[in-house]
Amino acid sequence: MGSAFLSVIQDLARFVVEGFLPHTKYRSEQKVSSLYPRFESRRQYYASNTETLKLRLRLSSYPKEKLEKPLTAIEFILYKLKDLRLYTPEGDFSHEQGFLHSALKGKSGIHTSIRPTRHAVMEIFDEHQQPKLLFVENVFGDDSIEVESIGLYVLGEFRYDVFTKKEWQEWRPVFISFIESV
């Protein structure tokens, strides 16, 4: 009787694992993806795009004129910092003109450097000296970096790139790191 009972329990466990857990996992992934934005590289995110709306909803309310524009780099950066629970001072991100590292210089909980760190904001300057923002996902042993960005080359376009040390140094970037929020 003991071995028959053990066999029934094993069959029941296998039935539960094979029958229900994959679906439960799929449902939870589906649920998470319905709440959080998911971006595809080299795709533009306009104001009416579902992923743009999800991101903006996660941040806060915006003036109507901003809601009619494509996703911006500063919105993407704020979302990434908030998602990672990193400290961001209120108000300092509101202006989109000027250099972010200058606006944040000397603020408590913020460190600027010329060396990349994981989860830092990378500020670079285009040929017209206009600032561009990228988010550093990873820094590898050879100092190459994995970055995500919005609008680096095309308005509202999400990009995922890996740059070698030589490539990113040509931009003469400033890296802005944030402490974890309490």
Protein backbone atom coordinates (compact mmCIF):
# COMPACT_ATOMS: atom_id res chain seq x y z
CA MET A 1 0.00 0.00 0.00
CA GLY A 2 2.84 2.43 0.77
CA SER A 3 4.35 2.20 -2.71
CA ALA A 4 0.94 2.61 -4.40
CA PHE A 5 0.24 5.70 -2.31
CA LEU A 6 3.70 7.14 -3.16
CA SER A 7 3.07 6.48 -6.86
CA VAL A 8 -0.25 8.34 -6.74
CA ILE A 9 1.39 11.30 -4.96
CA GLN A 10 4.20 11.40 -7.57
CA ASP A 11 1.67 11.28 -10.41
CA LEU A 12 -0.34 14.05 -8.78
CA ALA A 13 2.79 16.19 -8.32
CA ARG A 14 3.82 15.64 -11.96
CA PHE A 15 0.29 16.54 -13.10
CA VAL A 16 0.37 19.79 -11.11
CA VAL A 17 3.87 20.78 -12.28
CA GLU A 18 3.28 19.93 -15.93
CA GLY A 19 -0.34 20.98 -16.08
CA PHE A 20 -0.63 24.14 -14.06
CA LEU A 21 2.70 25.79 -13.32
CA PRO A 22 3.73 26.60 -16.91
CA HIS A 23 0.36 28.27 -17.45
CA THR A 24 0.64 30.12 -14.14
CA LYS A 25 4.11 31.31 -15.12
CA TYR A 26 2.82 32.40 -18.54
CA ARG A 27 -0.10 34.22 -16.95
CA SER A 28 2.15 36.07 -14.50
CA GLU A 29 4.53 37.06 -17.32
CA GLN A 30 1.54 38.22 -19.35
CA LYS A 31 0.25 40.18 -16.35
CA VAL A 32 3.63 41.85 -15.74
CA SER A 33 4.03 42.73 -19.40
CA SER A 34 0.63 44.35 -19.36
CA LEU A 35 1.72 46.72 -16.56
CA TYR A 36 5.29 47.56 -17.48
CA PRO A 37 6.54 48.87 -20.81
CA ARG A 38 8.56 46.55 -23.03
CA PHE A 39 10.70 48.11 -25.72
CA GLU A 40 11.96 46.74 -29.02
CA SER A 41 15.27 48.00 -30.37
CA ARG A 42 15.13 50.35 -33.37
CA ARG A 43 11.40 51.00 -32.95
CA GLN A 44 9.95 54.49 -32.54
CA TYR A 45 7.64 55.16 -29.61
CA TYR A 46 5.12 57.86 -30.41
CA ALA A 47 2.66 59.42 -27.95
CA SER A 48 -0.15 57.00 -28.77
CA ASN A 49 2.01 53.87 -28.49
CA THR A 50 0.87 51.55 -25.69
CA GLU A 51 4.40 51.20 -24.27
CA THR A 52 4.81 55.00 -24.17
CA LEU A 53 1.52 55.30 -22.31
CA LYS A 54 2.54 52.58 -19.82
CA LEU A 55 5.84 54.35 -19.11
CA ARG A 56 4.18 57.74 -18.64
CA LEU A 57 1.55 56.22 -16.39
CA ARG A 58 4.30 54.71 -14.20
CA LEU A 59 5.96 58.12 -13.83
CA SER A 60 3.13 60.55 -13.12
CA SER A 61 0.77 62.93 -14.88
CA TYR A 62 2.06 65.27 -17.55
CA PRO A 63 0.84 68.46 -19.20
CA LYS A 64 -1.33 67.69 -22.22
CA GLU A 65 1.21 69.16 -24.70
CA LYS A 66 3.86 66.70 -23.47
CA LEU A 67 1.50 63.77 -23.80
CA GLU A 68 1.10 64.49 -27.50
CA LYS A 69 4.84 64.10 -28.22
CA PRO A 70 6.97 60.99 -28.76
CA LEU A 71 8.73 59.42 -25.80
CA THR A 72 11.77 61.41 -24.67
CA ALA A 73 15.14 60.37 -23.29
CA ILE A 74 14.53 62.12 -19.97
CA GLU A 75 11.24 60.23 -19.47
CA PHE A 76 12.97 56.94 -20.23
CA ILE A 77 15.83 57.76 -17.81
CA LEU A 78 13.39 58.73 -15.04
CA TYR A 79 11.47 55.51 -15.58
CA LYS A 80 14.65 53.40 -15.38
CA LEU A 81 15.79 55.15 -12.20
CA LYS A 82 12.37 54.80 -10.60
CA ASP A 83 12.12 51.15 -11.61
CA LEU A 84 15.50 50.45 -9.97
CA ARG A 85 14.49 52.52 -6.92
CA LEU A 86 17.36 54.92 -7.35
CA TYR A 87 17.22 58.39 -5.84
CA THR A 88 16.32 61.26 -8.16
CA PRO A 89 15.90 64.82 -6.94
CA GLU A 90 12.54 66.32 -7.83
CA GLY A 91 12.43 69.16 -10.32
CA ASP A 92 16.00 68.92 -11.59
CA PHE A 93 14.93 66.77 -14.53
CA SER A 94 12.07 69.01 -15.57
CA HIS A 95 14.09 71.21 -17.90
CA GLU A 96 15.25 69.55 -21.08
CA GLN A 97 17.67 72.30 -22.12
CA GLY A 98 21.21 72.43 -20.82
CA PHE A 99 23.47 69.78 -19.41
CA LEU A 100 22.05 67.34 -16.88
CA HIS A 101 25.37 66.78 -15.15
CA SER A 102 25.68 70.54 -14.54
CA ALA A 103 22.15 70.77 -13.12
CA LEU A 104 22.82 67.86 -10.75
CA LYS A 105 26.40 68.71 -9.78
CA GLY A 106 26.86 68.93 -6.02
CA LYS A 107 23.48 67.40 -5.21
CA SER A 108 23.38 64.92 -2.36
CA GLY A 109 23.20 61.28 -3.50
CA ILE A 110 24.54 61.99 -6.99
CA HIS A 111 28.04 61.32 -8.28
CA THR A 112 29.47 62.37 -11.64
CA SER A 113 32.46 60.71 -13.24
CA ILE A 114 34.20 60.03 -16.53
CA ARG A 115 34.20 56.28 -15.75
CA PRO A 116 31.10 54.19 -16.49
CA THR A 117 29.21 52.39 -13.76
CA ARG A 118 26.25 50.05 -13.92
CA HIS A 119 22.86 51.85 -13.83
CA ALA A 120 24.40 55.26 -14.47
CA VAL A 121 23.09 57.89 -16.84
CA MET A 122 25.53 58.55 -19.65
CA GLU A 123 25.40 62.11 -20.96
CA ILE A 124 27.03 62.71 -24.33
CA PHE A 125 27.00 65.63 -26.72
CA ASP A 126 26.20 65.55 -30.43
CA GLU A 127 27.99 67.57 -33.10
CA HIS A 128 25.86 70.63 -32.19
CA GLN A 129 26.76 70.28 -28.49
CA GLN A 130 23.23 69.18 -27.67
CA PRO A 131 23.12 66.70 -24.78
CA LYS A 132 21.91 63.14 -25.33
CA LEU A 133 21.13 60.71 -22.51
CA LEU A 134 21.70 56.96 -22.41
CA PHE A 135 21.18 54.47 -19.59
CA VAL A 136 24.10 52.15 -18.76
CA GLU A 137 22.73 48.66 -18.13
CA ASN A 138 26.11 46.95 -17.73
CA VAL A 139 29.83 47.62 -17.76
CA PHE A 140 32.00 44.71 -18.85
CA GLY A 141 35.56 43.78 -17.84
CA ASP A 142 37.03 45.29 -21.01
CA ASP A 143 35.20 48.58 -20.24
CA SER A 144 32.71 48.06 -23.06
CA ILE A 145 29.22 49.14 -22.04
CA GLU A 146 25.67 47.97 -22.70
CA VAL A 147 23.28 50.92 -23.02
CA GLU A 148 19.64 51.68 -23.70
CA SER A 149 18.43 54.99 -25.07
CA ILE A 150 15.51 56.88 -26.55
CA GLY A 151 16.07 59.38 -29.34
CA LEU A 152 19.82 58.92 -29.71
CA TYR A 153 19.64 59.21 -33.50
CA VAL A 154 15.91 59.29 -34.33
CA LEU A 155 13.16 61.03 -32.35
CA GLY A 156 11.38 58.56 -30.04
CA GLU A 157 13.44 55.57 -31.18
CA PHE A 158 14.47 53.00 -28.55
CA ARG A 159 17.95 51.58 -29.02
CA TYR A 160 19.91 48.85 -27.35
CA ASP A 161 23.64 49.07 -28.08
CA VAL A 162 26.97 47.75 -26.86
CA PHE A 163 29.88 50.17 -27.28
CA THR A 164 33.56 49.37 -26.91
CA LYS A 165 35.67 51.58 -24.66
CA LYS A 166 37.16 53.28 -27.71
CA GLU A 167 33.69 53.98 -29.16
CA TRP A 168 32.15 55.51 -26.03
CA GLN A 169 35.28 57.50 -25.16
CA GLU A 170 35.03 59.34 -28.50
CA TRP A 171 31.87 61.00 -27.19
CA ARG A 172 33.69 62.28 -24.07
CA PRO A 173 30.75 61.32 -21.84
CA VAL A 174 29.92 62.20 -18.29
CA PHE A 175 28.43 59.41 -16.18
CA ILE A 176 25.89 60.31 -13.50
CA SER A 177 25.30 57.76 -10.73
CA PHE A 178 22.49 57.80 -8.18
CA ILE A 179 22.30 56.23 -4.73
CA GLU A 180 19.53 53.79 -3.82
CA SER A 181 16.35 55.29 -2.39
CA VAL A 182 15.35 54.54 1.16
